[in-house]
Amino acid sequence: MSLGRDEVLHVARLAELAVPDGEVERLVEQFNHILDYVARLDEVRPAGGPDVYVAGPASVTLREDVEDAVPLARPPAAMAPEFADGFFLVPRHGAMEDH
């Protein structure tokens, strides 16, 4: 995999970085060196190496990753000065007033 000038400029725009025109080619070269290095690291497969590290004793199993609502310690109405019909009530901002 390699990046060209357009991809590097796109990444710079996403990162909100101003890249001078004279530096773009240098960045393209540096990005491609990094990508080549990561690709080489990905090819390395340790034979008989150590197992993947898991914090804690080996007997501890990981819980199943299930999407679910997390119960709150207190209901939302108890945390709001004003709460009605499932909504937090807040004062109207002055800029929202009709003129």
PDB file of N, CA and C in Angstrom:
ATOM      1  N   MET A   1       0.849  -1.177   0.000  1.00  0.00           N
ATOM      2  CA  MET A   1       0.000   0.000   0.000  1.00  0.00           C
ATOM      3  C   MET A   1       0.886   1.228   0.000  1.00  0.00           C
ATOM      4  N   SER A   2       0.514   2.192  -0.785  1.00  0.00           N
ATOM      5  CA  SER A   2       1.243   3.452  -0.771  1.00  0.00           C
ATOM      6  C   SER A   2       0.259   4.601  -0.945  1.00  0.00           C
ATOM      7  N   LEU A   3       0.685   5.741  -0.475  1.00  0.00           N
ATOM      8  CA  LEU A   3      -0.140   6.943  -0.576  1.00  0.00           C
ATOM      9  C   LEU A   3       0.463   7.879  -1.605  1.00  0.00           C
ATOM     10  N   GLY A   4      -0.398   8.602  -2.286  1.00  0.00           N
ATOM     11  CA  GLY A   4       0.052   9.619  -3.225  1.00  0.00           C
ATOM     12  C   GLY A   4      -0.180  11.009  -2.666  1.00  0.00           C
ATOM     13  N   ARG A   5       0.121  11.966  -3.478  1.00  0.00           N
ATOM     14  CA  ARG A   5      -0.002  13.373  -3.084  1.00  0.00           C
ATOM     15  C   ARG A   5      -1.427  13.707  -2.634  1.00  0.00           C
ATOM     16  N   ASP A   6      -2.433  13.253  -3.385  1.00  0.00           N
ATOM     17  CA  ASP A   6      -3.823  13.574  -3.056  1.00  0.00           C
ATOM     18  C   ASP A   6      -4.240  13.000  -1.710  1.00  0.00           C
ATOM     19  N   GLU A   7      -3.816  11.757  -1.426  1.00  0.00           N
ATOM     20  CA  GLU A   7      -4.179  11.139  -0.139  1.00  0.00           C
ATOM     21  C   GLU A   7      -3.525  11.871   1.026  1.00  0.00           C
ATOM     22  N   VAL A   8      -2.275  12.271   0.850  1.00  0.00           N
ATOM     23  CA  VAL A   8      -1.579  12.994   1.926  1.00  0.00           C
ATOM     24  C   VAL A   8      -2.262  14.343   2.177  1.00  0.00           C
ATOM     25  N   LEU A   9      -2.641  15.032   1.119  1.00  0.00           N
ATOM     26  CA  LEU A   9      -3.338  16.312   1.300  1.00  0.00           C
ATOM     27  C   LEU A   9      -4.706  16.102   1.946  1.00  0.00           C
ATOM     28  N   HIS A  10      -5.354  14.994   1.611  1.00  0.00           N
ATOM     29  CA  HIS A  10      -6.643  14.678   2.229  1.00  0.00           C
ATOM     30  C   HIS A  10      -6.469  14.446   3.733  1.00  0.00           C
ATOM     31  N   VAL A  11      -5.451  13.678   4.109  1.00  0.00           N
ATOM     32  CA  VAL A  11      -5.172  13.431   5.532  1.00  0.00           C
ATOM     33  C   VAL A  11      -4.854  14.739   6.242  1.00  0.00           C
ATOM     34  N   ALA A  12      -4.100  15.602   5.594  1.00  0.00           N
ATOM     35  CA  ALA A  12      -3.763  16.900   6.197  1.00  0.00           C
ATOM     36  C   ALA A  12      -5.015  17.737   6.410  1.00  0.00           C
ATOM     37  N   ARG A  13      -5.935  17.709   5.436  1.00  0.00           N
ATOM     38  CA  ARG A  13      -7.185  18.458   5.610  1.00  0.00           C
ATOM     39  C   ARG A  13      -8.001  17.887   6.760  1.00  0.00           C
ATOM     40  N   LEU A  14      -8.062  16.555   6.859  1.00  0.00           N
ATOM     41  CA  LEU A  14      -8.808  15.935   7.953  1.00  0.00           C
ATOM     42  C   LEU A  14      -8.218  16.308   9.309  1.00  0.00           C
ATOM     43  N   ALA A  15      -6.890  16.396   9.360  1.00  0.00           N
ATOM     44  CA  ALA A  15      -6.212  16.746  10.611  1.00  0.00           C
ATOM     45  C   ALA A  15      -6.146  18.261  10.815  1.00  0.00           C
ATOM     46  N   GLU A  16      -6.710  19.012   9.861  1.00  0.00           N
ATOM     47  CA  GLU A  16      -6.701  20.474   9.909  1.00  0.00           C
ATOM     48  C   GLU A  16      -5.283  21.023  10.024  1.00  0.00           C
ATOM     49  N   LEU A  17      -4.398  20.464   9.172  1.00  0.00           N
ATOM     50  CA  LEU A  17      -3.010  20.902   9.131  1.00  0.00           C
ATOM     51  C   LEU A  17      -2.752  21.662   7.840  1.00  0.00           C
ATOM     52  N   ALA A  18      -2.057  22.761   7.933  1.00  0.00           N
ATOM     53  CA  ALA A  18      -1.636  23.507   6.751  1.00  0.00           C
ATOM     54  C   ALA A  18      -0.286  22.957   6.326  1.00  0.00           C
ATOM     55  N   VAL A  19      -0.238  22.364   5.139  1.00  0.00           N
ATOM     56  CA  VAL A  19       1.007  21.788   4.644  1.00  0.00           C
ATOM     57  C   VAL A  19       1.492  22.640   3.476  1.00  0.00           C
ATOM     58  N   PRO A  20       2.668  23.251   3.604  1.00  0.00           N
ATOM     59  CA  PRO A  20       3.207  24.037   2.489  1.00  0.00           C
ATOM     60  C   PRO A  20       3.454  23.141   1.276  1.00  0.00           C
ATOM     61  N   ASP A  21       3.289  23.694   0.075  1.00  0.00           N
ATOM     62  CA  ASP A  21       3.459  22.911  -1.150  1.00  0.00           C
ATOM     63  C   ASP A  21       4.830  22.240  -1.219  1.00  0.00           C
ATOM     64  N   GLY A  22       5.839  22.889  -0.730  1.00  0.00           N
ATOM     65  CA  GLY A  22       7.189  22.325  -0.768  1.00  0.00           C
ATOM     66  C   GLY A  22       7.381  21.127   0.142  1.00  0.00           C
ATOM     67  N   GLU A  23       6.487  20.927   1.096  1.00  0.00           N
ATOM     68  CA  GLU A  23       6.612  19.829   2.060  1.00  0.00           C
ATOM     69  C   GLU A  23       5.794  18.599   1.692  1.00  0.00           C
ATOM     70  N   VAL A  24       4.905  18.708   0.710  1.00  0.00           N
ATOM     71  CA  VAL A  24       3.989  17.603   0.395  1.00  0.00           C
ATOM     72  C   VAL A  24       4.751  16.366  -0.051  1.00  0.00           C
ATOM     73  N   GLU A  25       5.710  16.524  -0.965  1.00  0.00           N
ATOM     74  CA  GLU A  25       6.453  15.357  -1.477  1.00  0.00           C
ATOM     75  C   GLU A  25       7.230  14.673  -0.358  1.00  0.00           C
ATOM     76  N   ARG A  26       7.779  15.466   0.540  1.00  0.00           N
ATOM     77  CA  ARG A  26       8.514  14.886   1.680  1.00  0.00           C
ATOM     78  C   ARG A  26       7.561  14.095   2.575  1.00  0.00           C
ATOM     79  N   LEU A  27       6.348  14.635   2.799  1.00  0.00           N
ATOM     80  CA  LEU A  27       5.363  13.917   3.603  1.00  0.00           C
ATOM     81  C   LEU A  27       4.911  12.631   2.922  1.00  0.00           C
ATOM     82  N   VAL A  28       4.748  12.661   1.605  1.00  0.00           N
ATOM     83  CA  VAL A  28       4.375  11.457   0.860  1.00  0.00           C
ATOM     84  C   VAL A  28       5.430  10.380   1.087  1.00  0.00           C
ATOM     85  N   GLU A  29       6.695  10.756   0.979  1.00  0.00           N
ATOM     86  CA  GLU A  29       7.788   9.801   1.179  1.00  0.00           C
ATOM     87  C   GLU A  29       7.786   9.261   2.614  1.00  0.00           C
ATOM     88  N   GLN A  30       7.601  10.130   3.597  1.00  0.00           N
ATOM     89  CA  GLN A  30       7.599   9.694   4.997  1.00  0.00           C
ATOM     90  C   GLN A  30       6.414   8.778   5.298  1.00  0.00           C
ATOM     91  N   PHE A  31       5.219   9.133   4.811  1.00  0.00           N
ATOM     92  CA  PHE A  31       4.055   8.275   5.005  1.00  0.00           C
ATOM     93  C   PHE A  31       4.304   6.891   4.415  1.00  0.00           C
ATOM     94  N   ASN A  32       4.861   6.841   3.209  1.00  0.00           N
ATOM     95  CA  ASN A  32       5.087   5.559   2.556  1.00  0.00           C
ATOM     96  C   ASN A  32       6.142   4.728   3.273  1.00  0.00           C
ATOM     97  N   HIS A  33       7.155   5.367   3.848  1.00  0.00           N
ATOM     98  CA  HIS A  33       8.133   4.628   4.658  1.00  0.00           C
ATOM     99  C   HIS A  33       7.449   4.011   5.875  1.00  0.00           C
ATOM    100  N   ILE A  34       6.583   4.768   6.512  1.00  0.00           N
ATOM    101  CA  ILE A  34       5.858   4.262   7.689  1.00  0.00           C
ATOM    102  C   ILE A  34       4.953   3.102   7.298  1.00  0.00           C
ATOM    103  N   LEU A  35       4.216   3.247   6.208  1.00  0.00           N
ATOM    104  CA  LEU A  35       3.316   2.173   5.762  1.00  0.00           C
ATOM    105  C   LEU A  35       4.089   0.916   5.387  1.00  0.00           C
ATOM    106  N   ASP A  36       5.246   1.068   4.728  1.00  0.00           N
ATOM    107  CA  ASP A  36       6.074  -0.094   4.388  1.00  0.00           C
ATOM    108  C   ASP A  36       6.564  -0.802   5.651  1.00  0.00           C
ATOM    109  N   TYR A  37       6.973  -0.023   6.644  1.00  0.00           N
ATOM    110  CA  TYR A  37       7.468  -0.605   7.897  1.00  0.00           C
ATOM    111  C   TYR A  37       6.357  -1.385   8.608  1.00  0.00           C
ATOM    112  N   VAL A  38       5.172  -0.800   8.672  1.00  0.00           N
ATOM    113  CA  VAL A  38       4.044  -1.471   9.323  1.00  0.00           C
ATOM    114  C   VAL A  38       3.680  -2.743   8.563  1.00  0.00           C
ATOM    115  N   ALA A  39       3.734  -2.714   7.244  1.00  0.00           N
ATOM    116  CA  ALA A  39       3.448  -3.905   6.445  1.00  0.00           C
ATOM    117  C   ALA A  39       4.469  -5.001   6.736  1.00  0.00           C
ATOM    118  N   ARG A  40       5.741  -4.635   6.891  1.00  0.00           N
ATOM    119  CA  ARG A  40       6.759  -5.637   7.230  1.00  0.00           C
ATOM    120  C   ARG A  40       6.518  -6.208   8.623  1.00  0.00           C
ATOM    121  N   LEU A  41       6.128  -5.368   9.572  1.00  0.00           N
ATOM    122  CA  LEU A  41       5.833  -5.865  10.919  1.00  0.00           C
ATOM    123  C   LEU A  41       4.659  -6.829  10.901  1.00  0.00           C
ATOM    124  N   ASP A  42       3.689  -6.566  10.040  1.00  0.00           N
ATOM    125  CA  ASP A  42       2.515  -7.412   9.949  1.00  0.00           C
ATOM    126  C   ASP A  42       2.860  -8.800   9.431  1.00  0.00           C
ATOM    127  N   GLU A  43       3.949  -8.903   8.647  1.00  0.00           N
ATOM    128  CA  GLU A  43       4.366 -10.200   8.101  1.00  0.00           C
ATOM    129  C   GLU A  43       5.060 -11.069   9.136  1.00  0.00           C
ATOM    130  N   VAL A  44       5.542 -10.479  10.206  1.00  0.00           N
ATOM    131  CA  VAL A  44       6.276 -11.234  11.229  1.00  0.00           C
ATOM    132  C   VAL A  44       5.283 -12.009  12.084  1.00  0.00           C
ATOM    133  N   ARG A  45       5.419 -13.303  12.096  1.00  0.00           N
ATOM    134  CA  ARG A  45       4.575 -14.167  12.920  1.00  0.00           C
ATOM    135  C   ARG A  45       5.487 -14.942  13.867  1.00  0.00           C
ATOM    136  N   PRO A  46       5.426 -14.652  15.144  1.00  0.00           N
ATOM    137  CA  PRO A  46       6.305 -15.371  16.077  1.00  0.00           C
ATOM    138  C   PRO A  46       5.936 -16.852  16.152  1.00  0.00           C
ATOM    139  N   ALA A  47       6.933 -17.698  15.970  1.00  0.00           N
ATOM    140  CA  ALA A  47       6.715 -19.140  16.061  1.00  0.00           C
ATOM    141  C   ALA A  47       7.005 -19.570  17.491  1.00  0.00           C
ATOM    142  N   GLY A  48       5.993 -20.108  18.157  1.00  0.00           N
ATOM    143  CA  GLY A  48       6.183 -20.575  19.527  1.00  0.00           C
ATOM    144  C   GLY A  48       6.450 -19.448  20.501  1.00  0.00           C
ATOM    145  N   GLY A  49       6.044 -18.278  20.166  1.00  0.00           N
ATOM    146  CA  GLY A  49       6.258 -17.125  21.037  1.00  0.00           C
ATOM    147  C   GLY A  49       5.312 -17.154  22.216  1.00  0.00           C
ATOM    148  N   PRO A  50       5.412 -16.158  23.056  1.00  0.00           N
ATOM    149  CA  PRO A  50       4.536 -16.122  24.239  1.00  0.00           C
ATOM    150  C   PRO A  50       3.074 -15.925  23.835  1.00  0.00           C
ATOM    151  N   ASP A  51       2.199 -16.371  24.725  1.00  0.00           N
ATOM    152  CA  ASP A  51       0.774 -16.191  24.489  1.00  0.00           C
ATOM    153  C   ASP A  51       0.414 -14.707  24.600  1.00  0.00           C
ATOM    154  N   VAL A  52      -0.734 -14.392  24.099  1.00  0.00           N
ATOM    155  CA  VAL A  52      -1.226 -13.022  24.201  1.00  0.00           C
ATOM    156  C   VAL A  52      -1.417 -12.681  25.671  1.00  0.00           C
ATOM    157  N   TYR A  53      -0.997 -11.489  26.071  1.00  0.00           N
ATOM    158  CA  TYR A  53      -1.083 -11.079  27.466  1.00  0.00           C
ATOM    159  C   TYR A  53      -2.518 -10.727  27.826  1.00  0.00           C
ATOM    160  N   VAL A  54      -2.980 -11.287  28.925  1.00  0.00           N
ATOM    161  CA  VAL A  54      -4.279 -10.943  29.492  1.00  0.00           C
ATOM    162  C   VAL A  54      -4.033 -10.566  30.948  1.00  0.00           C
ATOM    163  N   ALA A  55      -4.497  -9.384  31.331  1.00  0.00           N
ATOM    164  CA  ALA A  55      -4.288  -8.931  32.701  1.00  0.00           C
ATOM    165  C   ALA A  55      -5.035  -9.825  33.674  1.00  0.00           C
ATOM    166  N   GLY A  56      -4.389 -10.169  34.769  1.00  0.00           N
ATOM    167  CA  GLY A  56      -5.028 -10.991  35.785  1.00  0.00           C
ATOM    168  C   GLY A  56      -4.683 -12.463  35.607  1.00  0.00           C
ATOM    169  N   PRO A  57      -5.184 -13.281  36.505  1.00  0.00           N
ATOM    170  CA  PRO A  57      -4.893 -14.715  36.433  1.00  0.00           C
ATOM    171  C   PRO A  57      -5.514 -15.346  35.190  1.00  0.00           C
ATOM    172  N   ALA A  58      -4.902 -16.442  34.741  1.00  0.00           N
ATOM    173  CA  ALA A  58      -5.393 -17.118  33.538  1.00  0.00           C
ATOM    174  C   ALA A  58      -6.791 -17.686  33.731  1.00  0.00           C
ATOM    175  N   SER A  59      -7.190 -17.925  34.990  1.00  0.00           N
ATOM    176  CA  SER A  59      -8.504 -18.500  35.257  1.00  0.00           C
ATOM    177  C   SER A  59      -9.638 -17.490  35.081  1.00  0.00           C
ATOM    178  N   VAL A  60      -9.304 -16.211  34.995  1.00  0.00           N
ATOM    179  CA  VAL A  60     -10.325 -15.183  34.836  1.00  0.00           C
ATOM    180  C   VAL A  60     -10.749 -15.162  33.366  1.00  0.00           C
ATOM    181  N   THR A  61     -12.033 -15.307  33.139  1.00  0.00           N
ATOM    182  CA  THR A  61     -12.536 -15.274  31.765  1.00  0.00           C
ATOM    183  C   THR A  61     -13.126 -13.898  31.482  1.00  0.00           C
ATOM    184  N   LEU A  62     -13.091 -13.519  30.229  1.00  0.00           N
ATOM    185  CA  LEU A  62     -13.657 -12.242  29.828  1.00  0.00           C
ATOM    186  C   LEU A  62     -15.155 -12.397  29.643  1.00  0.00           C
ATOM    187  N   ARG A  63     -15.889 -11.359  29.968  1.00  0.00           N
ATOM    188  CA  ARG A  63     -17.334 -11.418  29.808  1.00  0.00           C
ATOM    189  C   ARG A  63     -17.680 -11.330  28.329  1.00  0.00           C
ATOM    190  N   GLU A  64     -18.849 -11.795  27.983  1.00  0.00           N
ATOM    191  CA  GLU A  64     -19.318 -11.684  26.618  1.00  0.00           C
ATOM    192  C   GLU A  64     -19.598 -10.215  26.315  1.00  0.00           C
ATOM    193  N   ASP A  65     -19.191  -9.766  25.166  1.00  0.00           N
ATOM    194  CA  ASP A  65     -19.383  -8.370  24.782  1.00  0.00           C
ATOM    195  C   ASP A  65     -20.777  -8.213  24.209  1.00  0.00           C
ATOM    196  N   VAL A  66     -21.690  -7.696  25.036  1.00  0.00           N
ATOM    197  CA  VAL A  66     -23.086  -7.560  24.651  1.00  0.00           C
ATOM    198  C   VAL A  66     -23.488  -6.101  24.760  1.00  0.00           C
ATOM    199  N   GLU A  67     -24.134  -5.603  23.712  1.00  0.00           N
ATOM    200  CA  GLU A  67     -24.645  -4.237  23.770  1.00  0.00           C
ATOM    201  C   GLU A  67     -25.915  -4.243  24.601  1.00  0.00           C
ATOM    202  N   ASP A  68     -25.936  -3.404  25.612  1.00  0.00           N
ATOM    203  CA  ASP A  68     -27.098  -3.340  26.478  1.00  0.00           C
ATOM    204  C   ASP A  68     -27.066  -2.004  27.207  1.00  0.00           C
ATOM    205  N   ALA A  69     -28.203  -1.565  27.641  1.00  0.00           N
ATOM    206  CA  ALA A  69     -28.276  -0.317  28.390  1.00  0.00           C
ATOM    207  C   ALA A  69     -27.627  -0.509  29.756  1.00  0.00           C
ATOM    208  N   VAL A  70     -26.873   0.482  30.171  1.00  0.00           N
ATOM    209  CA  VAL A  70     -26.233   0.441  31.482  1.00  0.00           C
ATOM    210  C   VAL A  70     -27.191   1.088  32.478  1.00  0.00           C
ATOM    211  N   PRO A  71     -27.538   0.370  33.537  1.00  0.00           N
ATOM    212  CA  PRO A  71     -28.474   0.964  34.499  1.00  0.00           C
ATOM    213  C   PRO A  71     -27.814   2.128  35.243  1.00  0.00           C
ATOM    214  N   LEU A  72     -28.580   3.172  35.438  1.00  0.00           N
ATOM    215  CA  LEU A  72     -28.087   4.336  36.161  1.00  0.00           C
ATOM    216  C   LEU A  72     -28.240   4.129  37.658  1.00  0.00           C
ATOM    217  N   ALA A  73     -27.359   4.762  38.420  1.00  0.00           N
ATOM    218  CA  ALA A  73     -27.449   4.666  39.873  1.00  0.00           C
ATOM    219  C   ALA A  73     -28.702   5.375  40.376  1.00  0.00           C
ATOM    220  N   ARG A  74     -29.077   6.463  39.711  1.00  0.00           N
ATOM    221  CA  ARG A  74     -30.289   7.206  40.047  1.00  0.00           C
ATOM    222  C   ARG A  74     -31.052   7.468  38.757  1.00  0.00           C
ATOM    223  N   PRO A  75     -32.347   7.573  38.818  1.00  0.00           N
ATOM    224  CA  PRO A  75     -33.103   7.879  37.605  1.00  0.00           C
ATOM    225  C   PRO A  75     -32.809   9.308  37.136  1.00  0.00           C
ATOM    226  N   PRO A  76     -32.954   9.588  35.826  1.00  0.00           N
ATOM    227  CA  PRO A  76     -32.661  10.930  35.318  1.00  0.00           C
ATOM    228  C   PRO A  76     -33.451  12.027  36.021  1.00  0.00           C
ATOM    229  N   ALA A  77     -34.687  11.752  36.409  1.00  0.00           N
ATOM    230  CA  ALA A  77     -35.501  12.776  37.069  1.00  0.00           C
ATOM    231  C   ALA A  77     -34.867  13.216  38.387  1.00  0.00           C
ATOM    232  N   ALA A  78     -34.117  12.334  39.038  1.00  0.00           N
ATOM    233  CA  ALA A  78     -33.477  12.682  40.312  1.00  0.00           C
ATOM    234  C   ALA A  78     -32.248  13.559  40.107  1.00  0.00           C
ATOM    235  N   MET A  79     -31.743  13.635  38.879  1.00  0.00           N
ATOM    236  CA  MET A  79     -30.530  14.413  38.612  1.00  0.00           C
ATOM    237  C   MET A  79     -30.825  15.767  37.982  1.00  0.00           C
ATOM    238  N   ALA A  80     -32.076  16.055  37.713  1.00  0.00           N
ATOM    239  CA  ALA A  80     -32.416  17.290  37.014  1.00  0.00           C
ATOM    240  C   ALA A  80     -33.262  18.187  37.888  1.00  0.00           C
ATOM    241  N   PRO A  81     -33.034  19.501  37.786  1.00  0.00           N
ATOM    242  CA  PRO A  81     -33.900  20.415  38.529  1.00  0.00           C
ATOM    243  C   PRO A  81     -35.344  20.301  38.056  1.00  0.00           C
ATOM    244  N   GLU A  82     -35.524  20.141  36.723  1.00  0.00           N
ATOM    245  CA  GLU A  82     -36.869  19.972  36.178  1.00  0.00           C
ATOM    246  C   GLU A  82     -36.838  18.867  35.134  1.00  0.00           C
ATOM    247  N   PHE A  83     -37.802  17.968  35.238  1.00  0.00           N
ATOM    248  CA  PHE A  83     -37.847  16.812  34.349  1.00  0.00           C
ATOM    249  C   PHE A  83     -39.311  16.470  34.119  1.00  0.00           C
ATOM    250  N   ALA A  84     -39.716  16.317  32.853  1.00  0.00           N
ATOM    251  CA  ALA A  84     -41.108  15.995  32.564  1.00  0.00           C
ATOM    252  C   ALA A  84     -41.198  15.162  31.288  1.00  0.00           C
ATOM    253  N   ASP A  85     -42.005  14.132  31.326  1.00  0.00           N
ATOM    254  CA  ASP A  85     -42.261  13.268  30.175  1.00  0.00           C
ATOM    255  C   ASP A  85     -40.981  12.734  29.535  1.00  0.00           C
ATOM    256  N   GLY A  86     -39.985  12.413  30.347  1.00  0.00           N
ATOM    257  CA  GLY A  86     -38.745  11.847  29.833  1.00  0.00           C
ATOM    258  C   GLY A  86     -37.745  12.859  29.305  1.00  0.00           C
ATOM    259  N   PHE A  87     -37.976  14.149  29.526  1.00  0.00           N
ATOM    260  CA  PHE A  87     -37.092  15.192  29.022  1.00  0.00           C
ATOM    261  C   PHE A  87     -36.603  16.077  30.151  1.00  0.00           C
ATOM    262  N   PHE A  88     -35.353  16.564  30.019  1.00  0.00           N
ATOM    263  CA  PHE A  88     -34.826  17.577  30.916  1.00  0.00           C
ATOM    264  C   PHE A  88     -35.402  18.915  30.478  1.00  0.00           C
ATOM    265  N   LEU A  89     -35.920  19.693  31.391  1.00  0.00           N
ATOM    266  CA  LEU A  89     -36.457  21.015  31.066  1.00  0.00           C
ATOM    267  C   LEU A  89     -35.410  22.051  31.430  1.00  0.00           C
ATOM    268  N   VAL A  90     -35.085  22.893  30.455  1.00  0.00           N
ATOM    269  CA  VAL A  90     -34.073  23.928  30.673  1.00  0.00           C
ATOM    270  C   VAL A  90     -34.670  25.277  30.314  1.00  0.00           C
ATOM    271  N   PRO A  91     -34.157  26.354  30.911  1.00  0.00           N
ATOM    272  CA  PRO A  91     -34.678  27.676  30.566  1.00  0.00           C
ATOM    273  C   PRO A  91     -34.391  27.990  29.102  1.00  0.00           C
ATOM    274  N   ARG A  92     -35.285  28.707  28.489  1.00  0.00           N
ATOM    275  CA  ARG A  92     -35.123  29.095  27.097  1.00  0.00           C
ATOM    276  C   ARG A  92     -34.019  30.148  27.018  1.00  0.00           C
ATOM    277  N   HIS A  93     -33.127  29.992  26.058  1.00  0.00           N
ATOM    278  CA  HIS A  93     -32.013  30.927  25.858  1.00  0.00           C
ATOM    279  C   HIS A  93     -32.566  32.207  25.231  1.00  0.00           C
ATOM    280  N   GLY A  94     -32.035  33.341  25.655  1.00  0.00           N
ATOM    281  CA  GLY A  94     -32.515  34.622  25.149  1.00  0.00           C
ATOM    282  C   GLY A  94     -32.415  34.750  23.636  1.00  0.00           C
ATOM    283  N   ALA A  95     -31.387  34.109  23.024  1.00  0.00           N
ATOM    284  CA  ALA A  95     -31.241  34.195  21.573  1.00  0.00           C
ATOM    285  C   ALA A  95     -32.328  33.419  20.845  1.00  0.00           C
ATOM    286  N   MET A  96     -33.045  32.555  21.555  1.00  0.00           N
ATOM    287  CA  MET A  96     -34.084  31.760  20.919  1.00  0.00           C
ATOM    288  C   MET A  96     -35.447  32.445  20.975  1.00  0.00           C
ATOM    289  N   GLU A  97     -35.508  33.565  21.636  1.00  0.00           N
ATOM    290  CA  GLU A  97     -36.772  34.286  21.757  1.00  0.00           C
ATOM    291  C   GLU A  97     -37.189  34.834  20.414  1.00  0.00           C
ATOM    292  N   ASP A  98     -38.485  34.825  20.161  1.00  0.00           N
ATOM    293  CA  ASP A  98     -39.015  35.412  18.946  1.00  0.00           C
ATOM    294  C   ASP A  98     -39.003  36.927  19.058  1.00  0.00           C
ATOM    295  N   HIS A  99     -38.589  37.613  18.016  1.00  0.00           N
ATOM    296  CA  HIS A  99     -38.535  39.075  18.027  1.00  0.00           C
ATOM    297  C   HIS A  99     -39.637  39.651  17.195  1.00  0.00           C
TER     298      HIS A  99
END
